[in-house]
Amino acid sequence: MNDFLLTIVSFPTVIFTFVLGVATLYWVCAAIGLFDIEILDVDLPDGHLHAHAEHSFAETFAGILLRLGLNGVPVTIIITLIALIGWFISYYLSYFESWLFGYGWLRFVIGIPVFIFSLYVAVLITAQLIKPLRRLFAKADQYVEKKILGQTAIVRSSKVDAHSGEASFDDGGAGLIVKVRAIGEQQFVRGERVVLLEYRAGQHVYNVISEAEFLGKPSE
């Protein structure tokens, strides 16, 4: 047991241990409804990223995921799988490494390539594991799209504009949280009622307008 504890809190396994611990805490919170499963999702670009274009961190991160084949499922699932697989690989490599080098400074130096190798293999395995999941999430998205287009949702983020925002939709069950975007220069604040007007499949977001505008009511 002592060897086990020393290994999981020693470099490089401790990095995966920490991420896996945070992921476990997140899933517990998601299970009781505190977090949404897609809380870390970023919008994936429709095509390739232009080499000379300026991109935000989210767009750059999304482009990296796309090139690695880590797309089509929530980022939270991807991170959890990478952390779990990387933890197992790093743990066993580090465990055998400790037999040879103990827990001194030399093990830290050797731990750097162990971490890089573990992360690389974990990414490759995760990319393969999520392939069948993409179809499941794609079908779920299509079902939700048909069900809620034209329906009213409530803004849940601090604001909704052309670049960011979330809204909650009462589906008669636990409820849905969807990513929404205002059209043009419009902005909405938390608690406002908006109508899900159009689904942008490439970004997995809904264009919304105010309920009053959708019903043709004059603005106050």
Protein backbone atom coordinates (compact mmCIF):
# COMPACT_ATOMS: atom_id res chain seq x y z
CA MET A 1 0.00 0.00 0.00
CA ASN A 2 2.87 2.38 0.78
CA ASP A 3 4.35 1.82 -2.67
CA PHE A 4 0.95 2.48 -4.22
CA LEU A 5 0.52 5.79 -2.36
CA LEU A 6 4.08 6.88 -3.06
CA THR A 7 3.62 6.19 -6.76
CA ILE A 8 0.31 8.03 -7.22
CA VAL A 9 1.59 11.14 -5.41
CA SER A 10 4.99 11.14 -7.11
CA PHE A 11 5.88 12.74 -10.44
CA PRO A 12 4.65 12.13 -13.08
CA THR A 13 1.64 10.06 -11.93
CA VAL A 14 0.61 12.80 -9.50
CA ILE A 15 -0.42 14.99 -12.46
CA PHE A 16 -2.89 12.38 -13.69
CA THR A 17 -3.96 11.69 -10.10
CA PHE A 18 -4.85 15.35 -9.62
CA VAL A 19 -6.76 15.66 -12.92
CA LEU A 20 -8.57 12.39 -12.28
CA GLY A 21 -9.52 13.59 -8.80
CA VAL A 22 -10.95 16.83 -10.20
CA ALA A 23 -12.80 14.85 -12.90
CA THR A 24 -14.29 12.52 -10.28
CA LEU A 25 -15.45 15.49 -8.21
CA TYR A 26 -16.98 17.03 -11.33
CA TRP A 27 -18.93 13.87 -12.21
CA VAL A 28 -20.27 13.64 -8.66
CA CYS A 29 -21.44 17.26 -8.89
CA ALA A 30 -22.91 16.63 -12.36
CA ALA A 31 -24.78 13.60 -11.06
CA ILE A 32 -26.56 15.72 -8.45
CA GLY A 33 -27.27 18.48 -10.95
CA LEU A 34 -24.74 21.13 -9.93
CA PHE A 35 -22.86 21.07 -13.26
CA ASP A 36 -23.83 20.45 -16.86
CA ILE A 37 -22.04 17.64 -18.73
CA GLU A 38 -20.95 20.08 -21.45
CA ILE A 39 -19.71 22.81 -19.12
CA LEU A 40 -16.26 22.87 -20.75
CA ASP A 41 -17.39 22.48 -24.33
CA VAL A 42 -15.85 24.73 -26.96
CA ASP A 43 -17.14 25.44 -30.43
CA LEU A 44 -15.34 23.40 -33.03
CA PRO A 45 -14.60 25.20 -36.29
CA ASP A 46 -16.50 24.12 -39.41
CA GLY A 47 -13.30 23.72 -41.40
CA HIS A 48 -9.57 23.91 -40.89
CA LEU A 49 -7.90 26.74 -39.02
CA HIS A 50 -6.17 29.24 -41.25
CA ALA A 51 -2.50 29.50 -40.48
CA HIS A 52 -2.39 33.29 -40.52
CA ALA A 53 -5.73 34.00 -38.89
CA GLU A 54 -6.06 35.24 -35.33
CA HIS A 55 -7.97 32.91 -33.03
CA SER A 56 -9.15 33.01 -29.46
CA PHE A 57 -7.87 30.44 -26.97
CA ALA A 58 -11.14 28.49 -27.25
CA GLU A 59 -10.89 28.36 -31.06
CA THR A 60 -7.24 27.27 -30.90
CA PHE A 61 -8.05 24.62 -28.31
CA ALA A 62 -10.97 23.42 -30.44
CA GLY A 63 -8.70 23.18 -33.48
CA ILE A 64 -6.19 21.07 -31.54
CA LEU A 65 -8.95 18.69 -30.41
CA LEU A 66 -10.19 18.41 -33.99
CA ARG A 67 -6.75 17.54 -35.34
CA LEU A 68 -6.21 14.93 -32.63
CA GLY A 69 -9.55 13.30 -33.38
CA LEU A 70 -10.91 14.35 -29.99
CA ASN A 71 -14.18 15.85 -31.21
CA GLY A 72 -17.84 14.92 -31.36
CA VAL A 73 -18.32 14.30 -27.62
CA PRO A 74 -18.29 16.62 -24.59
CA VAL A 75 -14.81 17.81 -23.58
CA THR A 76 -15.47 16.63 -20.02
CA ILE A 77 -15.67 13.02 -21.24
CA ILE A 78 -12.47 13.44 -23.27
CA ILE A 79 -10.53 14.88 -20.33
CA THR A 80 -11.79 12.14 -18.01
CA LEU A 81 -10.77 9.36 -20.40
CA ILE A 82 -7.33 10.84 -21.03
CA ALA A 83 -6.76 11.27 -17.29
CA LEU A 84 -7.92 7.72 -16.49
CA ILE A 85 -5.91 6.01 -19.23
CA GLY A 86 -2.89 8.21 -18.63
CA TRP A 87 -3.07 7.43 -14.91
CA PHE A 88 -2.91 3.67 -15.48
CA ILE A 89 -0.05 3.91 -17.97
CA SER A 90 1.93 6.35 -15.85
CA TYR A 91 1.29 4.40 -12.65
CA TYR A 92 2.67 1.10 -13.94
CA LEU A 93 5.63 2.72 -15.70
CA SER A 94 6.45 4.72 -12.58
CA TYR A 95 6.01 1.69 -10.33
CA PHE A 96 8.58 -0.34 -12.25
CA GLU A 97 10.78 2.74 -12.54
CA SER A 98 10.82 3.05 -8.74
CA TRP A 99 12.32 -0.42 -8.49
CA LEU A 100 15.27 0.74 -10.56
CA PHE A 101 15.79 4.32 -9.39
CA GLY A 102 13.90 4.71 -6.13
CA TYR A 103 12.21 8.06 -5.41
CA GLY A 104 15.17 10.39 -5.78
CA TRP A 105 15.92 13.23 -8.19
CA LEU A 106 16.90 10.83 -11.00
CA ARG A 107 13.34 9.51 -11.06
CA PHE A 108 12.05 13.05 -11.59
CA VAL A 109 14.26 13.46 -14.66
CA ILE A 110 13.16 10.12 -16.08
CA GLY A 111 9.55 10.98 -15.18
CA ILE A 112 9.41 13.69 -17.86
CA PRO A 113 9.53 11.28 -20.84
CA VAL A 114 7.26 8.89 -18.90
CA PHE A 115 4.66 11.65 -18.59
CA ILE A 116 4.94 12.62 -22.27
CA PHE A 117 4.65 8.98 -23.36
CA SER A 118 1.69 8.31 -21.05
CA LEU A 119 -0.15 11.40 -22.26
CA TYR A 120 0.54 10.62 -25.91
CA VAL A 121 -0.70 7.04 -25.67
CA ALA A 122 -3.72 8.14 -23.61
CA VAL A 123 -4.70 10.63 -26.32
CA LEU A 124 -4.38 7.98 -29.04
CA ILE A 125 -6.48 5.46 -27.11
CA THR A 126 -9.09 8.06 -26.21
CA ALA A 127 -9.43 9.10 -29.86
CA GLN A 128 -10.29 5.49 -30.70
CA LEU A 129 -12.64 4.97 -27.76
CA ILE A 130 -14.81 8.00 -28.55
CA LYS A 131 -15.43 7.02 -32.18
CA PRO A 132 -18.57 4.99 -31.41
CA LEU A 133 -19.69 7.67 -28.93
CA ARG A 134 -19.79 10.31 -31.69
CA ARG A 135 -22.71 8.58 -33.39
CA LEU A 136 -24.62 8.39 -30.13
CA PHE A 137 -24.16 12.08 -29.39
CA ALA A 138 -24.95 13.01 -33.01
CA LYS A 139 -28.25 11.13 -32.84
CA ALA A 140 -29.05 12.73 -29.48
CA ASP A 141 -28.34 16.19 -30.93
CA GLN A 142 -30.66 15.53 -33.88
CA TYR A 143 -33.45 14.39 -31.58
CA VAL A 144 -33.08 17.40 -29.30
CA GLU A 145 -32.90 19.76 -32.28
CA LYS A 146 -36.22 18.55 -33.70
CA LYS A 147 -37.85 18.61 -30.29
CA ILE A 148 -36.98 22.10 -29.11
CA LEU A 149 -36.76 24.29 -32.21
CA GLY A 150 -39.36 27.03 -31.93
CA GLN A 151 -39.69 26.49 -28.19
CA THR A 152 -39.08 29.00 -25.42
CA ALA A 153 -36.04 28.77 -23.13
CA ILE A 154 -34.81 30.83 -20.19
CA VAL A 155 -31.40 32.50 -20.26
CA ARG A 156 -29.27 31.00 -17.47
CA SER A 157 -25.89 32.64 -18.14
CA SER A 158 -25.17 36.22 -17.10
CA LYS A 159 -25.72 37.29 -20.69
CA VAL A 160 -26.31 35.99 -24.18
CA ASP A 161 -24.72 37.69 -27.16
CA ALA A 162 -23.38 36.68 -30.55
CA HIS A 163 -20.37 34.97 -28.98
CA SER A 164 -21.50 33.18 -25.83
CA GLY A 165 -24.46 32.23 -23.67
CA GLU A 166 -26.53 29.38 -22.25
CA ALA A 167 -30.25 28.83 -21.76
CA SER A 168 -32.33 26.20 -19.98
CA PHE A 169 -35.26 24.45 -21.62
CA ASP A 170 -38.00 22.67 -19.69
CA ASP A 171 -38.47 19.35 -21.47
CA GLY A 172 -40.79 17.96 -18.84
CA GLY A 173 -37.99 16.02 -17.21
CA ALA A 174 -34.68 17.06 -15.72
CA GLY A 175 -34.45 19.94 -18.19
CA LEU A 176 -31.91 20.72 -20.89
CA ILE A 177 -29.10 23.25 -20.94
CA VAL A 178 -28.21 24.44 -24.43
CA LYS A 179 -25.66 26.83 -25.83
CA VAL A 180 -27.33 29.81 -27.47
CA ARG A 181 -26.26 32.86 -29.47
CA ALA A 182 -28.04 36.15 -30.08
CA ILE A 183 -28.45 37.42 -33.62
CA GLY A 184 -26.54 40.53 -34.61
CA GLU A 185 -26.01 43.07 -31.84
CA GLN A 186 -28.80 41.76 -29.62
CA GLN A 187 -28.10 40.85 -26.02
CA PHE A 188 -30.14 39.06 -23.38
CA VAL A 189 -29.60 38.75 -19.64
CA ARG A 190 -30.26 36.03 -17.11
CA GLY A 191 -33.94 35.23 -16.71
CA GLU A 192 -35.09 36.55 -20.10
CA ARG A 193 -37.31 34.36 -22.25
CA VAL A 194 -35.91 33.56 -25.69
CA VAL A 195 -37.06 31.37 -28.56
CA LEU A 196 -34.74 28.75 -30.09
CA LEU A 197 -34.99 29.81 -33.70
CA GLU A 198 -32.24 27.94 -35.60
CA TYR A 199 -29.68 25.22 -34.88
CA ARG A 200 -26.11 25.75 -36.07
CA ALA A 201 -24.85 22.19 -36.34
CA GLY A 202 -21.21 23.16 -36.95
CA GLN A 203 -21.00 24.98 -33.61
CA HIS A 204 -23.69 23.02 -31.72
CA VAL A 205 -25.47 26.24 -30.74
CA TYR A 206 -28.93 27.72 -31.22
CA ASN A 207 -29.67 31.16 -32.61
CA VAL A 208 -32.26 32.85 -30.43
CA ILE A 209 -34.53 35.88 -30.48
CA SER A 210 -36.66 37.33 -27.70
CA GLU A 211 -40.02 35.71 -27.08
CA ALA A 212 -41.72 39.08 -27.60
CA GLU A 213 -40.13 39.50 -31.03
CA PHE A 214 -41.07 35.94 -31.99
CA LEU A 215 -44.69 36.55 -31.03
CA GLY A 216 -44.71 39.88 -32.83
CA LYS A 217 -45.27 41.89 -29.66
CA PRO A 218 -44.03 45.50 -29.63
CA SER A 219 -40.97 46.06 -27.48
CA GLU A 220 -41.56 47.95 -24.24
